Amino acid sequence: MSSLNEEMADVRADIDDVRTQLRDDVPEFFEFDVTVGNITYNANSNSVSITVEPSARAREQLSEQLGGVDVKTDGSLVFEFRLVNSSGDE
């Protein structure tokens, strides 16, 4: 049986892996440049929340895609991903 410290280290490593994966994958969901901000883990709901904001270049990219209209990009998007255990992890 592993110690609590070892188990906590494993959990931290898993969360770090999820954060890295989200930083790599989430920007590809958008057709314009975004910046991934805060990534937080919520142990109560076993979920990860991620904040995504348009990058400095996003307004120009969106304006071009929409035919030259003015685009405002104030604010951010927040996504919550619920984590699930795969059947092989038990």
Protein backbone atom coordinates (compact mmCIF):
# COMPACT_ATOMS: atom_id res chain seq x y z
CA MET A 1 0.00 0.00 0.00
CA SER A 2 1.39 3.38 -0.96
CA SER A 3 1.66 6.26 1.45
CA LEU A 4 -0.63 9.29 1.41
CA ASN A 5 2.27 11.45 0.20
CA GLU A 6 2.84 9.14 -2.76
CA GLU A 7 -0.85 9.15 -3.63
CA MET A 8 -1.00 12.95 -3.41
CA ALA A 9 2.07 13.20 -5.65
CA ASP A 10 0.35 10.95 -8.19
CA VAL A 11 -2.77 13.13 -8.10
CA ARG A 12 -0.70 16.30 -8.57
CA ALA A 13 1.09 14.70 -11.53
CA ASP A 14 -2.24 13.70 -13.08
CA ILE A 15 -3.63 17.21 -12.65
CA ASP A 16 -0.48 18.71 -14.17
CA ASP A 17 -0.88 16.35 -17.14
CA VAL A 18 -4.50 17.49 -17.59
CA ARG A 19 -3.46 21.16 -17.42
CA THR A 20 -0.76 20.61 -20.03
CA GLN A 21 -3.19 18.76 -22.29
CA LEU A 22 -5.77 21.55 -22.00
CA ARG A 23 -3.20 24.27 -22.73
CA ASP A 24 -2.23 22.38 -25.88
CA ASP A 25 -5.70 21.33 -27.10
CA VAL A 26 -8.16 24.12 -26.22
CA PRO A 27 -6.72 26.82 -28.54
CA GLU A 28 -7.30 24.46 -31.48
CA PHE A 29 -11.08 24.65 -30.86
CA PHE A 30 -11.10 28.26 -32.06
CA GLU A 31 -10.61 29.75 -35.50
CA PHE A 32 -8.80 32.73 -33.96
CA ASP A 33 -5.95 33.14 -31.51
CA VAL A 34 -6.79 32.66 -27.85
CA THR A 35 -4.82 32.74 -24.65
CA VAL A 36 -5.41 30.06 -22.04
CA GLY A 37 -5.55 31.68 -18.61
CA ASN A 38 -6.29 30.09 -15.26
CA ILE A 39 -6.75 26.35 -15.00
CA THR A 40 -8.15 25.22 -11.67
CA TYR A 41 -9.05 21.80 -10.30
CA ASN A 42 -12.18 21.38 -8.17
CA ALA A 43 -11.89 18.24 -6.05
CA ASN A 44 -15.54 18.44 -4.92
CA SER A 45 -16.87 17.99 -8.44
CA ASN A 46 -13.77 16.30 -9.89
CA SER A 47 -13.61 18.90 -12.63
CA VAL A 48 -11.16 21.32 -14.19
CA SER A 49 -12.16 24.89 -15.10
CA ILE A 50 -10.25 26.78 -17.76
CA THR A 51 -10.42 30.45 -18.71
CA VAL A 52 -9.88 31.36 -22.36
CA GLU A 53 -9.47 34.91 -23.62
CA PRO A 54 -9.08 36.24 -27.16
CA SER A 55 -5.46 37.12 -27.89
CA ALA A 56 -4.35 40.57 -29.02
CA ARG A 57 -4.57 39.41 -32.64
CA ALA A 58 -8.05 37.86 -32.36
CA ARG A 59 -9.97 41.04 -33.20
CA GLU A 60 -8.10 41.43 -36.47
CA GLN A 61 -8.57 37.76 -37.35
CA LEU A 62 -12.31 37.85 -36.58
CA SER A 63 -12.77 41.10 -38.48
CA GLU A 64 -11.13 39.56 -41.55
CA GLN A 65 -13.30 36.42 -41.31
CA LEU A 66 -16.48 38.51 -40.97
CA GLY A 67 -15.74 40.79 -43.91
CA GLY A 68 -14.21 43.78 -42.16
CA VAL A 69 -16.76 44.45 -39.43
CA ASP A 70 -15.58 45.94 -36.14
CA VAL A 71 -15.13 43.30 -33.46
CA LYS A 72 -14.98 43.84 -29.70
CA THR A 73 -13.35 41.08 -27.66
CA ASP A 74 -13.90 42.14 -24.07
CA GLY A 75 -14.31 39.33 -21.59
CA SER A 76 -13.41 35.70 -21.43
CA LEU A 77 -14.91 32.24 -21.73
CA VAL A 78 -14.86 29.71 -18.91
CA PHE A 79 -15.11 25.99 -19.62
CA GLU A 80 -15.58 23.27 -17.03
CA PHE A 81 -14.42 19.76 -17.89
CA ARG A 82 -15.62 16.93 -15.68
CA LEU A 83 -13.02 14.24 -15.18
CA VAL A 84 -13.95 10.58 -15.41
CA ASN A 85 -12.00 7.47 -14.53
CA SER A 86 -11.31 5.07 -17.34
CA SER A 87 -12.12 1.44 -16.58
CA GLY A 88 -8.41 0.51 -16.51
CA ASP A 89 -7.53 2.99 -13.74
CA GLU A 90 -9.33 1.25 -10.89
